[in-house]
Protein backbone atom coordinates (compact mmCIF):
# COMPACT_ATOMS: atom_id res chain seq x y z
CA MET A 1 -15.39 5.27 -52.11
CA SER A 2 -18.97 6.98 -52.63
CA SER A 3 -22.33 5.60 -51.64
CA ARG A 4 -23.54 2.89 -53.38
CA LEU A 5 -26.41 3.08 -55.81
CA VAL A 6 -29.37 0.72 -56.74
CA ILE A 7 -31.14 1.40 -60.07
CA PHE A 8 -34.59 -0.63 -60.66
CA GLY A 9 -36.16 -0.87 -64.26
CA ILE A 10 -39.69 -1.70 -64.71
CA ASP A 11 -39.82 -1.89 -68.36
CA GLY A 12 -42.86 -0.25 -70.18
CA VAL A 13 -44.95 0.89 -67.36
CA PRO A 14 -46.31 4.27 -67.77
CA PHE A 15 -46.17 6.96 -65.06
CA ASP A 16 -50.09 7.35 -64.50
CA LEU A 17 -50.12 3.46 -64.10
CA MET A 18 -47.53 3.52 -61.65
CA LYS A 19 -49.06 6.58 -59.40
CA ARG A 20 -52.76 4.47 -59.98
CA LEU A 21 -51.14 1.55 -58.65
CA SER A 22 -49.23 2.97 -55.87
CA ASP A 23 -52.39 4.93 -54.58
CA GLU A 24 -54.61 2.05 -54.73
CA GLY A 25 -52.57 0.11 -52.29
CA ILE A 26 -51.45 -2.71 -55.16
CA MET A 27 -47.92 -1.08 -54.83
CA PRO A 28 -47.11 0.19 -51.32
CA ASN A 29 -43.53 -0.06 -51.79
CA PHE A 30 -43.12 1.90 -54.55
CA LYS A 31 -45.52 4.51 -53.10
CA ARG A 32 -43.44 4.85 -49.73
CA ILE A 33 -40.83 5.69 -51.83
CA ARG A 34 -42.92 8.17 -54.23
CA GLU A 35 -44.20 10.14 -51.19
CA ASP A 36 -40.55 10.82 -49.61
CA GLY A 37 -38.84 11.29 -53.40
CA VAL A 38 -38.43 13.00 -56.67
CA PHE A 39 -41.41 11.31 -59.32
CA ARG A 40 -41.60 12.72 -62.52
CA LYS A 41 -42.39 11.89 -66.02
CA MET A 42 -39.67 10.71 -68.75
CA ARG A 43 -39.68 10.83 -72.13
CA SER A 44 -38.49 8.04 -73.83
CA SER A 45 -36.38 7.47 -76.87
CA LEU A 46 -37.35 7.93 -80.67
CA PRO A 47 -38.40 5.39 -81.55
CA GLU A 48 -40.02 4.37 -77.87
CA ILE A 49 -38.76 0.80 -78.01
CA SER A 50 -36.58 -0.95 -75.43
CA SER A 51 -33.44 -1.56 -77.51
CA VAL A 52 -33.15 2.32 -78.18
CA SER A 53 -34.40 3.93 -74.68
CA TRP A 54 -32.13 1.36 -72.66
CA SER A 55 -28.99 1.87 -74.98
CA THR A 56 -29.80 5.60 -74.65
CA ILE A 57 -30.53 5.16 -70.39
CA PHE A 58 -27.15 3.17 -69.73
CA THR A 59 -24.99 5.42 -72.09
CA GLY A 60 -26.47 8.70 -71.44
CA LYS A 61 -26.26 9.17 -75.30
CA ASN A 62 -28.05 9.89 -78.27
CA PRO A 63 -28.96 7.29 -80.67
CA GLY A 64 -26.79 8.90 -83.04
CA GLU A 65 -24.16 8.27 -80.91
CA HIS A 66 -24.52 5.13 -79.78
CA GLY A 67 -25.67 3.62 -83.00
CA ILE A 68 -28.96 1.65 -82.04
CA PHE A 69 -32.10 2.95 -83.88
CA GLY A 70 -34.13 -0.08 -83.44
CA PHE A 71 -34.24 -3.90 -82.68
CA THR A 72 -33.45 -4.64 -86.18
CA GLU A 73 -31.51 -3.17 -89.11
CA LEU A 74 -30.54 -4.17 -92.64
CA ILE A 75 -27.27 -5.67 -93.16
CA PRO A 76 -25.53 -3.01 -95.01
CA GLY A 77 -25.87 -3.60 -98.75
CA THR A 78 -28.62 -5.61 -98.63
CA TYR A 79 -32.19 -5.83 -97.58
CA SER A 80 -31.61 -8.67 -95.15
CA ILE A 81 -32.61 -8.23 -91.44
CA CYS A 82 -30.50 -8.89 -88.37
CA PHE A 83 -30.91 -8.08 -84.95
CA THR A 84 -29.16 -5.60 -83.33
CA ASN A 85 -26.94 -6.28 -79.67
CA PHE A 86 -24.57 -5.24 -77.59
CA HIS A 87 -21.85 -5.28 -80.29
CA LYS A 88 -23.46 -2.96 -82.39
CA LEU A 89 -23.43 -0.27 -79.54
CA LYS A 90 -20.75 2.59 -80.56
CA ALA A 91 -20.72 4.49 -77.35
CA LYS A 92 -19.72 2.93 -73.99
CA PRO A 93 -22.12 2.21 -70.99
CA PHE A 94 -21.77 3.89 -67.74
CA TRP A 95 -20.17 0.68 -66.11
CA HIS A 96 -17.44 0.85 -68.73
CA GLU A 97 -16.72 4.17 -67.96
CA GLU A 98 -16.60 3.48 -64.16
CA PRO A 99 -14.04 0.38 -64.30
CA GLU A 100 -12.64 1.38 -60.74
CA ARG A 101 -16.42 0.55 -59.40
CA LYS A 102 -17.78 -3.12 -59.16
CA HIS A 103 -21.24 -3.66 -60.96
CA ILE A 104 -24.07 -6.19 -60.62
CA LEU A 105 -26.33 -6.18 -63.91
CA ILE A 106 -29.46 -8.08 -64.18
CA ASN A 107 -31.65 -8.61 -67.19
CA ILE A 108 -30.80 -5.17 -68.99
CA PRO A 109 -32.53 -5.19 -72.33
CA SER A 110 -29.92 -4.93 -75.26
CA THR A 111 -26.98 -5.78 -73.11
CA TYR A 112 -26.36 -9.42 -74.94
CA PRO A 113 -24.01 -10.73 -75.35
CA ALA A 114 -22.77 -10.17 -72.01
CA SER A 115 -19.15 -8.52 -72.12
CA PRO A 116 -16.39 -8.36 -69.76
CA LEU A 117 -16.94 -5.83 -66.48
CA ASN A 118 -15.77 -5.25 -63.05
CA GLY A 119 -18.46 -7.21 -61.69
CA LYS A 120 -21.27 -9.68 -63.26
CA MET A 121 -23.73 -9.79 -65.79
CA VAL A 122 -26.40 -11.45 -66.84
CA SER A 123 -27.91 -9.93 -69.88
CA GLY A 124 -31.65 -9.10 -70.73
CA PHE A 125 -33.67 -9.46 -73.92
CA ILE A 126 -33.31 -10.40 -76.76
CA SER A 127 -30.77 -13.15 -75.31
CA PRO A 128 -31.09 -16.17 -77.43
CA ASP A 129 -28.08 -18.22 -75.75
CA LEU A 130 -27.96 -18.69 -72.22
CA GLU A 131 -23.86 -18.91 -71.86
CA ARG A 132 -23.21 -16.24 -73.79
CA SER A 133 -25.62 -13.75 -71.55
CA VAL A 134 -23.47 -14.38 -68.54
CA TYR A 135 -20.44 -12.79 -67.38
CA PRO A 136 -18.39 -14.30 -65.93
CA ASP A 137 -18.51 -17.67 -67.20
CA ASP A 138 -18.74 -19.44 -63.61
CA LEU A 139 -22.09 -17.68 -62.93
CA VAL A 140 -23.45 -19.98 -65.76
CA ASP A 141 -23.66 -22.99 -63.13
CA THR A 142 -25.51 -21.09 -60.63
CA LEU A 143 -28.13 -20.01 -63.52
CA HIS A 144 -28.79 -23.44 -64.92
CA GLU A 145 -29.44 -24.72 -60.87
CA MET A 146 -31.92 -22.00 -60.64
CA HIS A 147 -33.28 -22.94 -64.03
CA TYR A 148 -33.06 -19.58 -65.11
CA GLU A 149 -34.94 -18.23 -68.19
CA THR A 150 -34.25 -14.81 -70.08
CA ASP A 151 -37.34 -14.01 -71.10
CA VAL A 152 -40.96 -15.17 -71.25
CA ASP A 153 -42.28 -17.74 -74.10
CA ALA A 154 -44.11 -14.70 -75.99
CA MET A 155 -46.39 -17.95 -78.02
CA LYS A 156 -47.75 -18.58 -74.66
CA GLY A 157 -49.41 -14.47 -74.64
CA TYR A 158 -51.49 -15.78 -77.99
CA ASP A 159 -52.23 -18.84 -77.23
CA SER A 160 -53.19 -19.00 -73.41
CA LYS A 161 -53.34 -15.83 -71.32
CA SER A 162 -53.46 -18.54 -68.24
CA ALA A 163 -50.33 -20.39 -69.41
CA PHE A 164 -48.75 -16.80 -70.05
CA MET A 165 -49.23 -15.54 -66.98
CA ALA A 166 -47.93 -17.98 -64.89
CA GLU A 167 -44.61 -17.93 -66.82
CA VAL A 168 -44.52 -14.24 -65.87
CA PHE A 169 -44.79 -15.44 -62.50
CA GLU A 170 -42.65 -18.03 -62.81
CA ILE A 171 -39.59 -15.88 -64.18
CA HIS A 172 -40.06 -12.90 -62.04
CA GLU A 173 -39.66 -15.70 -58.80
CA LYS A 174 -36.18 -16.72 -60.44
CA ARG A 175 -35.14 -12.86 -61.32
CA VAL A 176 -35.54 -11.97 -57.77
CA ARG A 177 -33.68 -15.24 -56.23
CA LEU A 178 -30.81 -14.38 -58.64
CA MET A 179 -31.27 -10.65 -57.45
CA ASP A 180 -31.17 -11.90 -53.76
CA HIS A 181 -28.10 -14.40 -54.40
CA LEU A 182 -25.70 -11.79 -56.07
CA TRP A 183 -26.91 -8.61 -53.44
CA ASN A 184 -25.56 -11.02 -50.74
CA GLY A 185 -22.83 -12.98 -52.48
CA ALA A 186 -20.49 -10.19 -53.95
CA ASP A 187 -19.16 -6.85 -53.21
CA TRP A 188 -20.89 -3.63 -55.46
CA ASP A 189 -20.94 -0.21 -55.65
CA THR A 190 -23.94 -0.39 -58.40
CA PHE A 191 -26.62 -2.98 -58.50
CA PHE A 192 -29.09 -2.55 -61.76
CA PHE A 193 -31.93 -4.86 -61.87
CA VAL A 194 -34.57 -4.89 -64.56
CA VAL A 195 -38.22 -6.32 -64.50
CA THR A 196 -39.47 -7.08 -68.16
CA GLY A 197 -42.43 -9.05 -67.27
CA SER A 198 -44.24 -5.74 -67.02
CA ASP A 199 -43.63 -4.98 -70.64
CA ARG A 200 -44.79 -8.50 -71.71
CA VAL A 201 -47.94 -7.88 -69.45
CA GLY A 202 -48.52 -4.67 -71.07
CA HIS A 203 -48.73 -6.22 -74.80
CA PHE A 204 -50.94 -8.90 -73.98
CA LEU A 205 -53.00 -7.79 -71.28
CA TYR A 206 -52.90 -4.27 -71.21
CA SER A 207 -57.21 -4.80 -71.52
CA ALA A 208 -56.79 -6.54 -68.27
CA ILE A 209 -55.02 -3.81 -66.42
CA GLU A 210 -57.96 -1.20 -67.71
CA GLU A 211 -60.94 -3.69 -66.94
CA GLN A 212 -61.67 -4.43 -63.64
CA ASP A 213 -64.25 -7.39 -64.83
CA HIS A 214 -61.56 -9.03 -67.00
CA ASP A 215 -60.69 -13.04 -66.64
CA HIS A 216 -57.29 -11.82 -65.85
CA HIS A 217 -57.56 -8.87 -63.86
CA ASP A 218 -56.81 -10.17 -60.75
CA ASP A 219 -53.73 -12.18 -62.14
CA VAL A 220 -52.18 -8.94 -63.12
CA MET A 221 -52.59 -6.87 -59.99
CA ARG A 222 -51.29 -9.76 -58.30
CA TYR A 223 -48.10 -9.56 -60.87
CA PHE A 224 -47.61 -5.76 -59.92
CA THR A 225 -47.65 -6.59 -56.40
CA ALA A 226 -45.09 -9.39 -56.68
CA VAL A 227 -42.84 -7.03 -58.48
CA ASP A 228 -43.56 -4.32 -55.39
CA ASP A 229 -42.64 -7.34 -52.82
CA SER A 230 -39.18 -7.04 -54.72
CA ILE A 231 -38.72 -3.41 -54.28
CA GLY A 232 -39.84 -3.79 -50.82
CA GLY A 233 -36.96 -6.34 -50.15
CA VAL A 234 -34.49 -3.82 -51.67
CA LEU A 235 -35.84 -1.18 -49.44
CA GLU A 236 -35.38 -3.46 -46.18
CA ARG A 237 -31.33 -3.79 -47.30
CA LEU A 238 -30.43 -0.39 -48.36
CA THR A 239 -28.36 1.46 -46.10
CA PRO A 240 -28.73 5.32 -45.30
CA GLU A 241 -25.81 6.09 -47.15
CA ASP A 242 -27.32 4.23 -50.30
CA HIS A 243 -29.10 5.46 -53.37
CA MET A 244 -32.00 4.39 -54.95
CA VAL A 245 -33.10 5.39 -58.53
CA LEU A 246 -36.36 3.49 -60.33
CA LEU A 247 -37.55 4.14 -63.93
CA SER A 248 -39.11 2.58 -66.81
CA ASP A 249 -37.93 2.96 -70.60
CA HIS A 250 -40.96 3.94 -72.19
CA GLY A 251 -44.87 3.84 -71.23
CA MET A 252 -47.57 1.85 -72.74
CA GLU A 253 -51.32 2.20 -73.56
CA ARG A 254 -54.13 0.46 -75.05
CA VAL A 255 -53.93 -0.26 -78.72
CA TYR A 256 -56.81 -0.65 -80.93
CA ARG A 257 -55.77 -0.56 -84.85
CA ASN A 258 -52.36 -2.17 -86.05
CA VAL A 259 -51.47 0.58 -89.10
CA ASN A 260 -49.29 -1.39 -91.43
CA LEU A 261 -46.60 1.38 -92.91
CA ASN A 262 -45.28 -0.74 -95.77
CA THR A 263 -48.87 -1.66 -96.81
CA LEU A 264 -49.58 2.08 -97.19
CA LEU A 265 -46.47 2.91 -98.88
CA GLU A 266 -46.92 0.43 -101.41
CA GLU A 267 -50.88 1.70 -102.21
CA LYS A 268 -49.16 5.35 -102.58
CA GLY A 269 -46.62 4.07 -105.07
CA PHE A 270 -43.36 4.74 -102.41
CA LEU A 271 -42.36 1.06 -102.28
CA ILE A 272 -42.73 -1.60 -104.86
CA LEU A 273 -42.91 -5.42 -104.17
CA ASP A 274 -42.31 -8.09 -106.34
CA GLY A 275 -45.00 -11.25 -106.09
CA GLU A 276 -42.54 -13.76 -105.41
CA ASP A 277 -42.00 -15.78 -101.89
CA ARG A 278 -39.04 -13.99 -101.05
CA ASP A 279 -37.74 -13.12 -97.54
CA ARG A 280 -39.39 -9.69 -96.33
CA TYR A 281 -37.50 -6.66 -97.78
CA ASN A 282 -35.82 -8.54 -100.38
CA ARG A 283 -38.82 -8.46 -102.15
CA ILE A 284 -38.10 -4.53 -102.43
CA GLU A 285 -37.90 -3.88 -106.47
CA PRO A 286 -36.17 -0.98 -108.45
CA GLY A 287 -38.41 2.12 -108.21
CA THR A 288 -38.94 2.12 -104.63
CA LYS A 289 -38.72 5.00 -102.79
CA ALA A 290 -38.96 4.35 -99.15
CA PHE A 291 -39.56 1.63 -96.82
CA ALA A 292 -40.54 1.47 -93.20
CA LEU A 293 -38.44 -1.10 -90.42
CA ASP A 294 -40.33 -1.48 -87.10
CA PRO A 295 -42.04 -0.01 -85.47
CA SER A 296 -42.16 3.30 -87.19
CA ARG A 297 -38.51 4.20 -89.19
CA ILE A 298 -39.00 5.41 -92.65
CA TYR A 299 -35.90 4.92 -94.61
CA LEU A 300 -35.25 6.52 -98.15
CA ASN A 301 -34.56 3.57 -100.73
CA ARG A 302 -30.98 5.35 -101.80
CA LYS A 303 -29.06 3.95 -104.47
CA GLU A 304 -25.56 3.88 -102.49
CA ARG A 305 -27.11 1.98 -99.62
CA TYR A 306 -29.34 -0.82 -101.21
CA PRO A 307 -28.83 -3.30 -104.22
CA ASN A 308 -32.12 -1.98 -105.71
CA GLY A 309 -31.93 1.79 -104.63
CA MET A 310 -32.31 4.65 -106.80
CA ASP A 311 -31.32 8.51 -107.31
CA MET A 312 -34.12 10.84 -106.19
CA ASP A 313 -34.63 14.38 -105.40
CA GLU A 314 -34.59 13.19 -101.45
CA GLU A 315 -36.25 16.67 -100.30
CA GLN A 316 -39.02 16.09 -102.54
CA VAL A 317 -39.69 12.67 -101.43
CA LEU A 318 -39.43 13.40 -97.94
CA THR A 319 -41.96 16.54 -98.25
CA GLU A 320 -44.55 14.41 -100.36
CA LEU A 321 -43.98 11.55 -97.35
CA ILE A 322 -44.65 13.89 -94.39
CA GLU A 323 -48.05 15.60 -96.24
CA MET A 324 -49.22 12.01 -96.67
CA PHE A 325 -48.24 10.73 -93.02
CA ASP A 326 -49.31 14.06 -91.30
CA SER A 327 -53.01 13.58 -93.56
CA LEU A 328 -53.38 10.08 -92.65
CA GLU A 329 -56.96 9.35 -91.31
CA TYR A 330 -58.71 6.63 -89.80
CA GLU A 331 -62.41 7.10 -89.29
CA GLY A 332 -62.02 10.83 -89.01
CA MET A 333 -59.49 10.07 -86.46
CA LYS A 334 -55.82 11.45 -87.05
CA VAL A 335 -53.43 8.70 -86.72
CA ILE A 336 -49.88 10.09 -86.43
CA ARG A 337 -49.19 12.37 -83.71
CA SER A 338 -46.07 13.73 -85.16
CA ILE A 339 -43.58 12.96 -87.52
CA HIS A 340 -39.60 13.49 -86.85
CA ARG A 341 -36.76 14.29 -89.18
CA ARG A 342 -33.76 12.73 -88.55
CA ASP A 343 -31.46 15.81 -88.26
CA GLU A 344 -33.85 17.07 -85.89
CA ILE A 345 -33.95 14.06 -82.90
CA TYR A 346 -30.57 12.84 -83.82
CA HIS A 347 -26.82 13.94 -83.60
CA GLY A 348 -23.58 12.04 -83.72
CA PRO A 349 -21.26 10.17 -85.73
CA CYS A 350 -23.78 7.22 -86.40
CA ILE A 351 -26.52 9.42 -87.97
CA GLU A 352 -25.92 8.16 -91.35
CA ASP A 353 -27.43 4.92 -90.53
CA ALA A 354 -30.40 6.45 -88.86
CA PRO A 355 -34.10 6.43 -90.29
CA ASP A 356 -35.33 9.46 -92.58
CA LEU A 357 -38.20 9.92 -90.59
CA VAL A 358 -39.58 8.58 -87.58
CA LEU A 359 -43.14 8.55 -86.51
CA LEU A 360 -45.23 9.17 -83.38
CA ALA A 361 -48.72 7.66 -83.54
CA ASN A 362 -51.79 9.17 -81.71
CA THR A 363 -53.67 7.04 -78.90
CA GLY A 364 -54.88 3.60 -79.86
CA PHE A 365 -52.91 2.94 -83.01
CA SER A 366 -49.58 0.92 -83.28
CA LEU A 367 -47.40 1.55 -85.99
CA ARG A 368 -45.93 -1.52 -87.84
CA GLY A 369 -43.35 -1.86 -90.34
CA SER A 370 -44.59 -5.63 -91.71
CA ILE A 371 -43.90 -6.40 -95.31
CA GLY A 372 -46.98 -7.80 -97.17
CA LYS A 373 -49.95 -7.32 -95.19
CA ASP A 374 -53.12 -7.02 -97.28
CA VAL A 375 -54.44 -4.02 -95.25
CA VAL A 376 -53.33 -0.56 -93.86
CA PHE A 377 -55.72 -0.85 -90.99
CA GLU A 378 -55.76 -4.04 -89.08
CA PRO A 379 -59.03 -3.48 -86.57
CA GLU A 380 -58.65 -6.52 -83.94
CA PRO A 381 -54.99 -6.20 -83.16
CA MET A 382 -53.38 -9.25 -81.04
CA LEU A 383 -51.46 -7.09 -78.88
CA THR A 384 -53.81 -4.84 -76.72
CA GLY A 385 -50.84 -2.55 -75.30
CA LYS A 386 -48.36 -0.46 -77.45
CA HIS A 387 -45.42 2.21 -76.36
CA THR A 388 -45.59 5.68 -75.70
CA TRP A 389 -43.14 8.43 -75.63
CA ASP A 390 -43.39 10.61 -73.55
CA ASP A 391 -44.97 9.12 -69.93
CA ALA A 392 -42.28 7.02 -68.78
CA PHE A 393 -41.49 7.41 -65.08
CA LEU A 394 -38.82 8.37 -63.27
CA LEU A 395 -38.53 8.14 -59.44
CA VAL A 396 -35.96 8.94 -57.12
CA LYS A 397 -35.47 7.77 -53.55
CA GLY A 398 -35.27 11.02 -51.28
CA ALA A 399 -36.99 14.50 -51.53
CA ASP A 400 -33.62 15.89 -50.69
CA ASN A 401 -32.33 14.77 -54.48
CA GLU A 402 -35.27 17.06 -56.11
CA ASP A 403 -32.42 19.68 -57.33
CA LEU A 404 -30.63 17.21 -59.15
CA VAL A 405 -33.45 15.54 -61.26
CA PRO A 406 -34.31 17.91 -64.27
CA ALA A 407 -38.18 19.27 -64.36
CA GLU A 408 -38.83 17.40 -67.60
CA PRO A 409 -36.20 14.48 -67.77
CA GLY A 410 -35.65 12.36 -70.87
CA VAL A 411 -33.91 9.08 -70.86
CA GLU A 412 -30.71 11.02 -72.17
CA ASP A 413 -30.24 12.52 -68.37
CA VAL A 414 -29.96 9.06 -66.30
CA VAL A 415 -26.38 8.50 -66.55
CA ARG A 416 -25.82 12.20 -65.56
CA LEU A 417 -28.46 12.04 -62.51
CA LEU A 418 -26.46 8.65 -61.34
CA LYS A 419 -23.11 10.51 -61.26
CA ASP A 420 -24.88 13.15 -59.22
CA LEU A 421 -26.32 11.05 -57.34
CA ARG A 422 -22.67 10.00 -56.02
């Protein structure tokens, strides 16, 4: 059998931050691997969110092939929102493509509900039911004994940053305890472990990462040291024949303004909402040409797809939308970095379900799909960090693997890399 493979994911951490933290001594174990490995920026998915990017990472497929375009989607033929999950995935993850190998999978986003495999799985966010997050079932008792939790309580991030950070540390410790338990308690060929507290810290406390005088700067640095300690624990147990890949699914940066895309569409006459207190997108009225879903997906309101859809000159509407978004400015700053048509970025059998346009924001702007907001620009966002597209990181242990890593990797390249490492 080929050598063992360890994949260590750190959700939502950009290349430059990992370089800085390792250079400053916050993450010395990461620096050890970096100095004798292959460390590169990696492009995320479009849109640059975890559900899409992790689905791409573990299938090696374009979203037009695996069918995941966001955390949410509209139920076909309706304006009602539902969450996407692993059942919606149309492409096989690599562990189902390799049934002869044994896999341990811990906290990988967008793998809920857990599905049968040759190995063990505890799925990552969004995982609302612990029992359905686990395969095989006999692992549930172990998780209950550990008081394992599938995610941080995001409300604490709004209400109390101290309570939020305490829970981030607590959940990380439980994840590492589970990692230790499964590492030692089962045979495996692939061990895939993802840290997601990093993404939560980035969203709620990116200001604390940047500002040394921030009340929680030291707490955040201690958290990244804790993540690095868990990397060190893995390094101590690797054999010379083992391979290790570390990566993030997207980057993160400071956010200064939320941009409510549906409010903009409503102001410009593309979106018509009724005044009743109906649930979100069910407020869409006849005459609507387009609407936005989080975080930056624009859909034409086609007659054959939606209850109040309409016939339209689709190319004309798309041209008008592109011109509107391209000209959008705030205090003299251009808001939209780039605009992508679906045929330009997606391919595969699921492309008809894809958004018609995907927008990328310029630095500091966070694109939102909220319905019914009063203003386009919100100057004081509750979250201080937002996702970025082209500065995720990829680190492969061992400089002799340089020829295997693309010069400019993207998340679609990861599965091929894993196969080549074996």
